Amino acid sequence: VVDAALTDEESQVVLNKHKEVISGAGGDIKFENTWGRRRLGYEINKKRHGIYYMLWAEGDGDAIEEMERQFGYDDNVIKFFVVIVEDLQKAYNDFETLKAEPQKNANLVSEKLGA
């Protein structure tokens, strides 16, 4: 989640920077979802809104560690969450299926993602 005070262009710069970090650390971004500006579930650092992005990436422990480290250093990233799954393609397909009917499937999302 990126700070909503950023313009669309600025948020893309932040996103692209972190995509390069992942690639540079040996990771590979397979899928990307942009959810846009949304209200946060709770206030973080006196911010009530954020720009949501979801990156689906493959990488070893070093790539994940570097990604988490760089997210933590970036003041424009107000929240991030890493989920490790066994089969990335299956998790992505299941997620897209669940997204099609969010009310019906709300309780199943974490189960399907393996979280």
Protein backbone atom coordinates (compact mmCIF):
# COMPACT_ATOMS: atom_id res chain seq x y z
CA VAL A 1 0.00 0.00 0.00
CA VAL A 2 1.48 3.30 -1.14
CA ASP A 3 0.75 6.71 0.37
CA ALA A 4 -2.41 8.16 -1.22
CA ALA A 5 -0.90 11.66 -1.09
CA LEU A 6 1.25 10.67 -4.08
CA THR A 7 0.09 11.44 -7.61
CA ASP A 8 -0.55 8.52 -9.97
CA GLU A 9 2.80 9.17 -11.64
CA GLU A 10 4.66 9.27 -8.33
CA SER A 11 3.03 6.05 -7.15
CA GLN A 12 4.05 4.36 -10.42
CA VAL A 13 7.64 5.47 -9.83
CA VAL A 14 7.53 3.88 -6.35
CA LEU A 15 6.00 0.69 -7.77
CA ASN A 16 8.54 0.46 -10.58
CA LYS A 17 11.41 1.02 -8.12
CA HIS A 18 10.27 -1.93 -6.02
CA LYS A 19 9.70 -4.11 -9.07
CA GLU A 20 13.33 -3.42 -10.01
CA VAL A 21 14.42 -4.34 -6.48
CA ILE A 22 12.64 -7.68 -6.80
CA SER A 23 14.13 -8.35 -10.24
CA GLY A 24 17.59 -7.21 -9.13
CA ALA A 25 17.50 -9.63 -6.19
CA GLY A 26 16.77 -12.55 -8.51
CA GLY A 27 12.98 -12.49 -8.21
CA ASP A 28 10.55 -12.63 -11.10
CA ILE A 29 7.24 -10.73 -11.11
CA LYS A 30 4.61 -12.95 -12.72
CA PHE A 31 1.42 -10.93 -12.19
CA GLU A 32 0.43 -7.47 -11.04
CA ASN A 33 -2.91 -6.13 -9.82
CA THR A 34 -3.66 -2.44 -9.25
CA TRP A 35 -6.55 -1.86 -6.89
CA GLY A 36 -6.23 1.92 -6.82
CA ARG A 37 -7.01 4.40 -4.08
CA ARG A 38 -8.96 2.92 -1.19
CA ARG A 39 -9.73 3.65 2.41
CA LEU A 40 -7.44 1.77 4.77
CA GLY A 41 -8.96 -0.73 7.18
CA TYR A 42 -7.38 1.29 9.99
CA GLU A 43 -5.31 4.46 10.25
CA ILE A 44 -1.57 4.02 9.65
CA ASN A 45 0.82 6.87 10.47
CA LYS A 46 -2.13 9.30 10.51
CA LYS A 47 -3.13 8.22 6.99
CA ARG A 48 -6.62 7.00 6.18
CA HIS A 49 -6.20 6.15 2.48
CA GLY A 50 -3.68 4.33 0.35
CA ILE A 51 -3.03 3.17 -3.20
CA TYR A 52 -3.18 -0.61 -3.29
CA TYR A 53 -0.95 -2.77 -5.50
CA MET A 54 -0.55 -6.52 -5.49
CA LEU A 55 2.57 -8.11 -6.94
CA TRP A 56 2.77 -11.85 -7.58
CA ALA A 57 6.44 -12.76 -7.66
CA GLU A 58 8.68 -15.81 -7.52
CA GLY A 59 12.02 -15.73 -5.79
CA ASP A 60 14.28 -17.33 -3.26
CA GLY A 61 14.65 -16.29 0.38
CA ASP A 62 17.25 -13.65 -0.47
CA ALA A 63 14.90 -11.94 -2.95
CA ILE A 64 12.07 -11.90 -0.42
CA GLU A 65 14.35 -10.61 2.32
CA GLU A 66 15.66 -7.79 0.11
CA MET A 67 12.13 -6.86 -1.01
CA GLU A 68 10.92 -6.66 2.59
CA ARG A 69 13.99 -4.64 3.59
CA GLN A 70 13.50 -2.10 0.79
CA PHE A 71 9.76 -1.77 1.47
CA GLY A 72 10.60 -1.00 5.09
CA TYR A 73 13.04 1.75 4.10
CA ASP A 74 10.62 3.51 1.72
CA ASP A 75 8.51 6.18 3.47
CA ASN A 76 6.03 6.10 0.56
CA VAL A 77 5.16 2.45 1.31
CA ILE A 78 2.83 2.59 4.29
CA LYS A 79 2.03 -1.14 4.50
CA PHE A 80 3.16 -4.37 2.87
CA PHE A 81 2.37 -8.02 3.41
CA VAL A 82 4.18 -11.07 2.06
CA VAL A 83 2.39 -14.39 1.57
CA ILE A 84 4.36 -17.48 0.57
CA VAL A 85 2.48 -20.07 -1.48
CA GLU A 86 3.46 -23.46 -2.87
CA ASP A 87 2.11 -22.96 -6.41
CA LEU A 88 2.04 -19.33 -7.62
CA GLN A 89 -0.02 -19.96 -10.76
CA LYS A 90 -2.66 -21.94 -8.86
CA ALA A 91 -2.83 -19.31 -6.10
CA TYR A 92 -3.25 -16.55 -8.69
CA ASN A 93 -5.97 -18.46 -10.57
CA ASP A 94 -7.82 -19.24 -7.31
CA PHE A 95 -7.55 -15.59 -6.26
CA GLU A 96 -8.99 -14.38 -9.57
CA THR A 97 -11.85 -16.88 -9.27
CA LEU A 98 -12.63 -15.75 -5.73
CA LYS A 99 -12.49 -12.08 -6.79
CA ALA A 100 -15.27 -12.71 -9.30
CA GLU A 101 -17.80 -13.12 -6.45
CA PRO A 102 -16.30 -11.37 -3.39
CA GLN A 103 -19.35 -11.54 -1.11
CA LYS A 104 -19.92 -15.24 -1.75
CA ASN A 105 -16.26 -16.14 -1.34
CA ALA A 106 -15.04 -13.64 1.29
CA ASN A 107 -14.26 -16.28 3.91
CA LEU A 108 -12.40 -18.52 1.48
CA VAL A 109 -9.73 -16.10 0.23
CA SER A 110 -7.12 -16.81 2.91
CA GLU A 111 -7.76 -20.55 2.71
CA LYS A 112 -7.24 -20.60 -1.07
CA LEU A 113 -4.11 -18.48 -0.93
CA GLY A 114 -2.60 -20.83 1.60
CA ALA A 115 -2.27 -18.10 4.21
